[in-house]
Amino acid sequence: MACGVPPIITDIGAAREIVEEGITGFLFEAENAQDLANKILLLYNNYDLRLRIGERAKEEVFKRFGYERYIREMEEYYEMVMKS
């Protein structure tokens, strides 16, 4: 995702917390090879969709896991610790 590649991941566990279906990537049903193949072909055959979802995926990763957020959270944590 951080490289702008649209992810296609198995819809298990916390997958829906990472990928928003059709927005930041695709989810496929576990043990359903046809579902996976359909998602791969959808992206393969649609250049614009591939670019759009890849860009959204990259933006989401940096928004949720980027160094700016990490720094802000660490600053907040240190401020809280110093106040106590």
PDB file of N, CA and C in Angstrom:
ATOM      1  N   MET A   1       0.823  -1.187   0.000  1.00  0.00           N
ATOM      2  CA  MET A   1       0.000   0.000   0.000  1.00  0.00           C
ATOM      3  C   MET A   1       0.867   1.250   0.000  1.00  0.00           C
ATOM      4  N   ALA A   2       1.935   1.224   0.788  1.00  0.00           N
ATOM      5  CA  ALA A   2       2.809   2.395   0.878  1.00  0.00           C
ATOM      6  C   ALA A   2       3.491   2.699  -0.453  1.00  0.00           C
ATOM      7  N   CYS A   3       3.570   1.709  -1.313  1.00  0.00           N
ATOM      8  CA  CYS A   3       4.182   1.899  -2.637  1.00  0.00           C
ATOM      9  C   CYS A   3       3.160   2.270  -3.705  1.00  0.00           C
ATOM     10  N   GLY A   4       1.894   2.441  -3.300  1.00  0.00           N
ATOM     11  CA  GLY A   4       0.865   2.802  -4.262  1.00  0.00           C
ATOM     12  C   GLY A   4       0.320   1.618  -5.039  1.00  0.00           C
ATOM     13  N   VAL A   5       0.512   0.431  -4.497  1.00  0.00           N
ATOM     14  CA  VAL A   5      -0.006  -0.778  -5.141  1.00  0.00           C
ATOM     15  C   VAL A   5      -1.315  -1.155  -4.444  1.00  0.00           C
ATOM     16  N   PRO A   6      -2.399  -1.288  -5.200  1.00  0.00           N
ATOM     17  CA  PRO A   6      -3.670  -1.638  -4.565  1.00  0.00           C
ATOM     18  C   PRO A   6      -3.633  -3.052  -3.997  1.00  0.00           C
ATOM     19  N   PRO A   7      -3.890  -3.205  -2.710  1.00  0.00           N
ATOM     20  CA  PRO A   7      -3.829  -4.529  -2.103  1.00  0.00           C
ATOM     21  C   PRO A   7      -5.089  -5.342  -2.381  1.00  0.00           C
ATOM     22  N   ILE A   8      -4.890  -6.640  -2.453  1.00  0.00           N
ATOM     23  CA  ILE A   8      -5.988  -7.601  -2.501  1.00  0.00           C
ATOM     24  C   ILE A   8      -5.685  -8.592  -1.390  1.00  0.00           C
ATOM     25  N   ILE A   9      -6.460  -8.528  -0.314  1.00  0.00           N
ATOM     26  CA  ILE A   9      -6.154  -9.349   0.856  1.00  0.00           C
ATOM     27  C   ILE A   9      -7.360 -10.205   1.256  1.00  0.00           C
ATOM     28  N   THR A  10      -7.065 -11.282   1.966  1.00  0.00           N
ATOM     29  CA  THR A  10      -8.109 -12.181   2.437  1.00  0.00           C
ATOM     30  C   THR A  10      -8.971 -11.479   3.478  1.00  0.00           C
ATOM     31  N   ASP A  11     -10.258 -11.629   3.366  1.00  0.00           N
ATOM     32  CA  ASP A  11     -11.214 -10.984   4.274  1.00  0.00           C
ATOM     33  C   ASP A  11     -11.344 -11.800   5.562  1.00  0.00           C
ATOM     34  N   ILE A  12     -10.290 -11.749   6.372  1.00  0.00           N
ATOM     35  CA  ILE A  12     -10.292 -12.424   7.669  1.00  0.00           C
ATOM     36  C   ILE A  12      -9.686 -11.491   8.708  1.00  0.00           C
ATOM     37  N   GLY A  13      -9.949 -11.766   9.955  1.00  0.00           N
ATOM     38  CA  GLY A  13      -9.360 -10.990  11.041  1.00  0.00           C
ATOM     39  C   GLY A  13      -9.642  -9.509  10.915  1.00  0.00           C
ATOM     40  N   ALA A  14      -8.597  -8.724  11.044  1.00  0.00           N
ATOM     41  CA  ALA A  14      -8.720  -7.267  11.033  1.00  0.00           C
ATOM     42  C   ALA A  14      -8.556  -6.670   9.640  1.00  0.00           C
ATOM     43  N   ALA A  15      -8.733  -7.470   8.616  1.00  0.00           N
ATOM     44  CA  ALA A  15      -8.525  -6.996   7.241  1.00  0.00           C
ATOM     45  C   ALA A  15      -9.354  -5.761   6.923  1.00  0.00           C
ATOM     46  N   ARG A  16     -10.578  -5.710   7.401  1.00  0.00           N
ATOM     47  CA  ARG A  16     -11.454  -4.565   7.114  1.00  0.00           C
ATOM     48  C   ARG A  16     -11.001  -3.290   7.829  1.00  0.00           C
ATOM     49  N   GLU A  17     -10.152  -3.431   8.831  1.00  0.00           N
ATOM     50  CA  GLU A  17      -9.583  -2.256   9.487  1.00  0.00           C
ATOM     51  C   GLU A  17      -8.447  -1.674   8.651  1.00  0.00           C
ATOM     52  N   ILE A  18      -7.889  -2.478   7.790  1.00  0.00           N
ATOM     53  CA  ILE A  18      -6.757  -2.062   6.965  1.00  0.00           C
ATOM     54  C   ILE A  18      -7.214  -1.588   5.592  1.00  0.00           C
ATOM     55  N   VAL A  19      -8.125  -2.342   4.982  1.00  0.00           N
ATOM     56  CA  VAL A  19      -8.557  -2.064   3.615  1.00  0.00           C
ATOM     57  C   VAL A  19     -10.050  -1.783   3.576  1.00  0.00           C
ATOM     58  N   GLU A  20     -10.408  -0.695   2.927  1.00  0.00           N
ATOM     59  CA  GLU A  20     -11.815  -0.381   2.678  1.00  0.00           C
ATOM     60  C   GLU A  20     -12.144  -0.861   1.265  1.00  0.00           C
ATOM     61  N   GLU A  21     -13.029  -1.824   1.183  1.00  0.00           N
ATOM     62  CA  GLU A  21     -13.353  -2.502  -0.070  1.00  0.00           C
ATOM     63  C   GLU A  21     -13.676  -1.520  -1.192  1.00  0.00           C
ATOM     64  N   GLY A  22     -12.907  -1.629  -2.280  1.00  0.00           N
ATOM     65  CA  GLY A  22     -13.139  -0.805  -3.456  1.00  0.00           C
ATOM     66  C   GLY A  22     -12.649   0.624  -3.338  1.00  0.00           C
ATOM     67  N   ILE A  23     -12.149   1.006  -2.169  1.00  0.00           N
ATOM     68  CA  ILE A  23     -11.655   2.367  -1.938  1.00  0.00           C
ATOM     69  C   ILE A  23     -10.135   2.371  -1.802  1.00  0.00           C
ATOM     70  N   THR A  24      -9.633   1.582  -0.862  1.00  0.00           N
ATOM     71  CA  THR A  24      -8.184   1.511  -0.653  1.00  0.00           C
ATOM     72  C   THR A  24      -7.624   0.132  -1.002  1.00  0.00           C
ATOM     73  N   GLY A  25      -8.455  -0.709  -1.572  1.00  0.00           N
ATOM     74  CA  GLY A  25      -8.023  -2.049  -1.962  1.00  0.00           C
ATOM     75  C   GLY A  25      -9.216  -2.968  -2.098  1.00  0.00           C
ATOM     76  N   PHE A  26      -8.933  -4.261  -2.146  1.00  0.00           N
ATOM     77  CA  PHE A  26      -9.990  -5.249  -2.276  1.00  0.00           C
ATOM     78  C   PHE A  26      -9.793  -6.372  -1.285  1.00  0.00           C
ATOM     79  N   LEU A  27     -10.897  -6.937  -0.851  1.00  0.00           N
ATOM     80  CA  LEU A  27     -10.908  -8.096   0.027  1.00  0.00           C
ATOM     81  C   LEU A  27     -11.475  -9.268  -0.759  1.00  0.00           C
ATOM     82  N   PHE A  28     -10.934 -10.459  -0.524  1.00  0.00           N
ATOM     83  CA  PHE A  28     -11.516 -11.635  -1.157  1.00  0.00           C
ATOM     84  C   PHE A  28     -11.818 -12.673  -0.094  1.00  0.00           C
ATOM     85  N   GLU A  29     -12.833 -13.453  -0.368  1.00  0.00           N
ATOM     86  CA  GLU A  29     -13.300 -14.474   0.556  1.00  0.00           C
ATOM     87  C   GLU A  29     -12.233 -15.552   0.723  1.00  0.00           C
ATOM     88  N   ALA A  30     -11.973 -15.925   1.965  1.00  0.00           N
ATOM     89  CA  ALA A  30     -10.975 -16.962   2.251  1.00  0.00           C
ATOM     90  C   ALA A  30     -11.298 -18.245   1.498  1.00  0.00           C
ATOM     91  N   GLU A  31     -10.283 -18.864   0.957  1.00  0.00           N
ATOM     92  CA  GLU A  31     -10.372 -20.129   0.229  1.00  0.00           C
ATOM     93  C   GLU A  31     -11.227 -20.034  -1.040  1.00  0.00           C
ATOM     94  N   ASN A  32     -11.415 -18.832  -1.550  1.00  0.00           N
ATOM     95  CA  ASN A  32     -12.202 -18.646  -2.771  1.00  0.00           C
ATOM     96  C   ASN A  32     -11.278 -18.112  -3.867  1.00  0.00           C
ATOM     97  N   ALA A  33     -10.651 -19.031  -4.581  1.00  0.00           N
ATOM     98  CA  ALA A  33      -9.689 -18.658  -5.622  1.00  0.00           C
ATOM     99  C   ALA A  33     -10.353 -17.869  -6.747  1.00  0.00           C
ATOM    100  N   GLN A  34     -11.601 -18.161  -7.036  1.00  0.00           N
ATOM    101  CA  GLN A  34     -12.304 -17.447  -8.106  1.00  0.00           C
ATOM    102  C   GLN A  34     -12.519 -15.983  -7.730  1.00  0.00           C
ATOM    103  N   ASP A  35     -12.857 -15.732  -6.471  1.00  0.00           N
ATOM    104  CA  ASP A  35     -13.027 -14.355  -6.002  1.00  0.00           C
ATOM    105  C   ASP A  35     -11.708 -13.584  -6.119  1.00  0.00           C
ATOM    106  N   LEU A  36     -10.615 -14.219  -5.709  1.00  0.00           N
ATOM    107  CA  LEU A  36      -9.291 -13.607  -5.826  1.00  0.00           C
ATOM    108  C   LEU A  36      -8.966 -13.318  -7.288  1.00  0.00           C
ATOM    109  N   ALA A  37      -9.181 -14.294  -8.145  1.00  0.00           N
ATOM    110  CA  ALA A  37      -8.894 -14.116  -9.573  1.00  0.00           C
ATOM    111  C   ALA A  37      -9.718 -12.978 -10.167  1.00  0.00           C
ATOM    112  N   ASN A  38     -10.987 -12.886  -9.764  1.00  0.00           N
ATOM    113  CA  ASN A  38     -11.839 -11.799 -10.266  1.00  0.00           C
ATOM    114  C   ASN A  38     -11.299 -10.430  -9.870  1.00  0.00           C
ATOM    115  N   LYS A  39     -10.819 -10.300  -8.639  1.00  0.00           N
ATOM    116  CA  LYS A  39     -10.284  -9.017  -8.172  1.00  0.00           C
ATOM    117  C   LYS A  39      -8.983  -8.682  -8.915  1.00  0.00           C
ATOM    118  N   ILE A  40      -8.144  -9.672  -9.120  1.00  0.00           N
ATOM    119  CA  ILE A  40      -6.896  -9.457  -9.859  1.00  0.00           C
ATOM    120  C   ILE A  40      -7.198  -9.005 -11.283  1.00  0.00           C
ATOM    121  N   LEU A  41      -8.111  -9.690 -11.935  1.00  0.00           N
ATOM    122  CA  LEU A  41      -8.472  -9.332 -13.312  1.00  0.00           C
ATOM    123  C   LEU A  41      -9.128  -7.956 -13.392  1.00  0.00           C
ATOM    124  N   LEU A  42      -9.929  -7.613 -12.401  1.00  0.00           N
ATOM    125  CA  LEU A  42     -10.551  -6.289 -12.369  1.00  0.00           C
ATOM    126  C   LEU A  42      -9.478  -5.200 -12.390  1.00  0.00           C
ATOM    127  N   LEU A  43      -8.471  -5.349 -11.545  1.00  0.00           N
ATOM    128  CA  LEU A  43      -7.393  -4.355 -11.506  1.00  0.00           C
ATOM    129  C   LEU A  43      -6.515  -4.425 -12.755  1.00  0.00           C
ATOM    130  N   TYR A  44      -6.243  -5.604 -13.214  1.00  0.00           N
ATOM    131  CA  TYR A  44      -5.401  -5.780 -14.402  1.00  0.00           C
ATOM    132  C   TYR A  44      -6.028  -5.117 -15.624  1.00  0.00           C
ATOM    133  N   ASN A  45      -7.329  -5.234 -15.737  1.00  0.00           N
ATOM    134  CA  ASN A  45      -8.035  -4.719 -16.911  1.00  0.00           C
ATOM    135  C   ASN A  45      -8.480  -3.262 -16.793  1.00  0.00           C
ATOM    136  N   ASN A  46      -8.248  -2.635 -15.644  1.00  0.00           N
ATOM    137  CA  ASN A  46      -8.720  -1.269 -15.452  1.00  0.00           C
ATOM    138  C   ASN A  46      -7.600  -0.388 -14.903  1.00  0.00           C
ATOM    139  N   TYR A  47      -6.849   0.204 -15.793  1.00  0.00           N
ATOM    140  CA  TYR A  47      -5.691   1.032 -15.435  1.00  0.00           C
ATOM    141  C   TYR A  47      -6.077   2.183 -14.506  1.00  0.00           C
ATOM    142  N   ASP A  48      -7.148   2.904 -14.838  1.00  0.00           N
ATOM    143  CA  ASP A  48      -7.573   4.048 -14.014  1.00  0.00           C
ATOM    144  C   ASP A  48      -7.944   3.617 -12.603  1.00  0.00           C
ATOM    145  N   LEU A  49      -8.663   2.520 -12.478  1.00  0.00           N
ATOM    146  CA  LEU A  49      -9.037   2.005 -11.164  1.00  0.00           C
ATOM    147  C   LEU A  49      -7.795   1.625 -10.368  1.00  0.00           C
ATOM    148  N   ARG A  50      -6.855   0.962 -11.029  1.00  0.00           N
ATOM    149  CA  ARG A  50      -5.591   0.579 -10.391  1.00  0.00           C
ATOM    150  C   ARG A  50      -4.870   1.792  -9.831  1.00  0.00           C
ATOM    151  N   LEU A  51      -4.772   2.846 -10.635  1.00  0.00           N
ATOM    152  CA  LEU A  51      -4.089   4.059 -10.177  1.00  0.00           C
ATOM    153  C   LEU A  51      -4.837   4.727  -9.028  1.00  0.00           C
ATOM    154  N   ARG A  52      -6.143   4.847  -9.168  1.00  0.00           N
ATOM    155  CA  ARG A  52      -6.954   5.524  -8.153  1.00  0.00           C
ATOM    156  C   ARG A  52      -6.891   4.798  -6.810  1.00  0.00           C
ATOM    157  N   ILE A  53      -7.093   3.485  -6.832  1.00  0.00           N
ATOM    158  CA  ILE A  53      -7.059   2.730  -5.579  1.00  0.00           C
ATOM    159  C   ILE A  53      -5.645   2.694  -5.007  1.00  0.00           C
ATOM    160  N   GLY A  54      -4.651   2.569  -5.855  1.00  0.00           N
ATOM    161  CA  GLY A  54      -3.266   2.588  -5.381  1.00  0.00           C
ATOM    162  C   GLY A  54      -2.911   3.886  -4.693  1.00  0.00           C
ATOM    163  N   GLU A  55      -3.348   4.998  -5.257  1.00  0.00           N
ATOM    164  CA  GLU A  55      -3.069   6.309  -4.649  1.00  0.00           C
ATOM    165  C   GLU A  55      -3.806   6.460  -3.320  1.00  0.00           C
ATOM    166  N   ARG A  56      -5.061   6.032  -3.285  1.00  0.00           N
ATOM    167  CA  ARG A  56      -5.822   6.107  -2.020  1.00  0.00           C
ATOM    168  C   ARG A  56      -5.198   5.210  -0.953  1.00  0.00           C
ATOM    169  N   ALA A  57      -4.741   4.041  -1.360  1.00  0.00           N
ATOM    170  CA  ALA A  57      -4.102   3.121  -0.419  1.00  0.00           C
ATOM    171  C   ALA A  57      -2.847   3.751   0.169  1.00  0.00           C
ATOM    172  N   LYS A  58      -2.050   4.370  -0.679  1.00  0.00           N
ATOM    173  CA  LYS A  58      -0.817   5.022  -0.226  1.00  0.00           C
ATOM    174  C   LYS A  58      -1.138   6.156   0.741  1.00  0.00           C
ATOM    175  N   GLU A  59      -2.113   6.981   0.411  1.00  0.00           N
ATOM    176  CA  GLU A  59      -2.513   8.079   1.287  1.00  0.00           C
ATOM    177  C   GLU A  59      -2.970   7.553   2.646  1.00  0.00           C
ATOM    178  N   GLU A  60      -3.745   6.478   2.633  1.00  0.00           N
ATOM    179  CA  GLU A  60      -4.263   5.909   3.883  1.00  0.00           C
ATOM    180  C   GLU A  60      -3.143   5.382   4.770  1.00  0.00           C
ATOM    181  N   VAL A  61      -2.185   4.704   4.190  1.00  0.00           N
ATOM    182  CA  VAL A  61      -1.059   4.180   4.963  1.00  0.00           C
ATOM    183  C   VAL A  61      -0.289   5.309   5.628  1.00  0.00           C
ATOM    184  N   PHE A  62       0.008   6.359   4.871  1.00  0.00           N
ATOM    185  CA  PHE A  62       0.783   7.446   5.455  1.00  0.00           C
ATOM    186  C   PHE A  62      -0.023   8.242   6.469  1.00  0.00           C
ATOM    187  N   LYS A  63      -1.323   8.321   6.262  1.00  0.00           N
ATOM    188  CA  LYS A  63      -2.172   9.011   7.229  1.00  0.00           C
ATOM    189  C   LYS A  63      -2.246   8.231   8.539  1.00  0.00           C
ATOM    190  N   ARG A  64      -2.394   6.925   8.440  1.00  0.00           N
ATOM    191  CA  ARG A  64      -2.573   6.106   9.633  1.00  0.00           C
ATOM    192  C   ARG A  64      -1.279   5.647  10.284  1.00  0.00           C
ATOM    193  N   PHE A  65      -0.230   5.466   9.489  1.00  0.00           N
ATOM    194  CA  PHE A  65       0.991   4.864  10.019  1.00  0.00           C
ATOM    195  C   PHE A  65       2.252   5.672   9.712  1.00  0.00           C
ATOM    196  N   GLY A  66       2.111   6.864   9.160  1.00  0.00           N
ATOM    197  CA  GLY A  66       3.258   7.666   8.769  1.00  0.00           C
ATOM    198  C   GLY A  66       4.010   8.255   9.953  1.00  0.00           C
ATOM    199  N   TYR A  67       5.189   8.726   9.674  1.00  0.00           N
ATOM    200  CA  TYR A  67       6.041   9.253  10.747  1.00  0.00           C
ATOM    201  C   TYR A  67       5.463  10.507  11.390  1.00  0.00           C
ATOM    202  N   GLU A  68       4.687  11.318  10.642  1.00  0.00           N
ATOM    203  CA  GLU A  68       4.089  12.508  11.253  1.00  0.00           C
ATOM    204  C   GLU A  68       3.153  12.125  12.389  1.00  0.00           C
ATOM    205  N   ARG A  69       2.353  11.106  12.155  1.00  0.00           N
ATOM    206  CA  ARG A  69       1.433  10.653  13.201  1.00  0.00           C
ATOM    207  C   ARG A  69       2.216  10.078  14.382  1.00  0.00           C
ATOM    208  N   TYR A  70       3.239   9.309  14.091  1.00  0.00           N
ATOM    209  CA  TYR A  70       4.052   8.719  15.147  1.00  0.00           C
ATOM    210  C   TYR A  70       4.680   9.818  16.013  1.00  0.00           C
ATOM    211  N   ILE A  71       5.239  10.825  15.378  1.00  0.00           N
ATOM    212  CA  ILE A  71       5.871  11.924  16.120  1.00  0.00           C
ATOM    213  C   ILE A  71       4.839  12.645  16.980  1.00  0.00           C
ATOM    214  N   ARG A  72       3.671  12.949  16.407  1.00  0.00           N
ATOM    215  CA  ARG A  72       2.616  13.640  17.150  1.00  0.00           C
ATOM    216  C   ARG A  72       2.175  12.810  18.354  1.00  0.00           C
ATOM    217  N   GLU A  73       1.993  11.517  18.161  1.00  0.00           N
ATOM    218  CA  GLU A  73       1.570  10.659  19.265  1.00  0.00           C
ATOM    219  C   GLU A  73       2.643  10.558  20.347  1.00  0.00           C
ATOM    220  N   MET A  74       3.910  10.505  19.942  1.00  0.00           N
ATOM    221  CA  MET A  74       4.991  10.460  20.932  1.00  0.00           C
ATOM    222  C   MET A  74       5.074  11.758  21.724  1.00  0.00           C
ATOM    223  N   GLU A  75       4.896  12.896  21.042  1.00  0.00           N
ATOM    224  CA  GLU A  75       4.899  14.181  21.732  1.00  0.00           C
ATOM    225  C   GLU A  75       3.772  14.243  22.751  1.00  0.00           C
ATOM    226  N   GLU A  76       2.594  13.800  22.362  1.00  0.00           N
ATOM    227  CA  GLU A  76       1.449  13.784  23.281  1.00  0.00           C
ATOM    228  C   GLU A  76       1.718  12.882  24.478  1.00  0.00           C
ATOM    229  N   TYR A  77       2.324  11.743  24.222  1.00  0.00           N
ATOM    230  CA  TYR A  77       2.639  10.815  25.296  1.00  0.00           C
ATOM    231  C   TYR A  77       3.633  11.427  26.281  1.00  0.00           C
ATOM    232  N   TYR A  78       4.712  12.024  25.755  1.00  0.00           N
ATOM    233  CA  TYR A  78       5.715  12.643  26.626  1.00  0.00           C
ATOM    234  C   TYR A  78       5.120  13.793  27.429  1.00  0.00           C
ATOM    235  N   GLU A  79       4.254  14.581  26.819  1.00  0.00           N
ATOM    236  CA  GLU A  79       3.608  15.668  27.548  1.00  0.00           C
ATOM    237  C   GLU A  79       2.754  15.119  28.685  1.00  0.00           C
ATOM    238  N   MET A  80       2.034  14.030  28.436  1.00  0.00           N
ATOM    239  CA  MET A  80       1.203  13.416  29.461  1.00  0.00           C
ATOM    240  C   MET A  80       2.062  12.884  30.599  1.00  0.00           C
ATOM    241  N   VAL A  81       3.175  12.238  30.272  1.00  0.00           N
ATOM    242  CA  VAL A  81       4.061  11.686  31.295  1.00  0.00           C
ATOM    243  C   VAL A  81       4.678  12.800  32.135  1.00  0.00           C
ATOM    244  N   MET A  82       5.083  13.891  31.487  1.00  0.00           N
ATOM    245  CA  MET A  82       5.727  14.978  32.239  1.00  0.00           C
ATOM    246  C   MET A  82       4.748  15.717  33.149  1.00  0.00           C
ATOM    247  N   LYS A  83       3.463  15.679  32.824  1.00  0.00           N
ATOM    248  CA  LYS A  83       2.458  16.344  33.655  1.00  0.00           C
ATOM    249  C   LYS A  83       2.128  15.529  34.900  1.00  0.00           C
ATOM    250  N   SER A  84       2.400  14.219  34.874  1.00  0.00           N
ATOM    251  CA  SER A  84       2.026  13.392  36.014  1.00  0.00           C
ATOM    252  C   SER A  84       3.097  13.271  37.047  1.00  0.00           C
TER     253      SER A  84
END
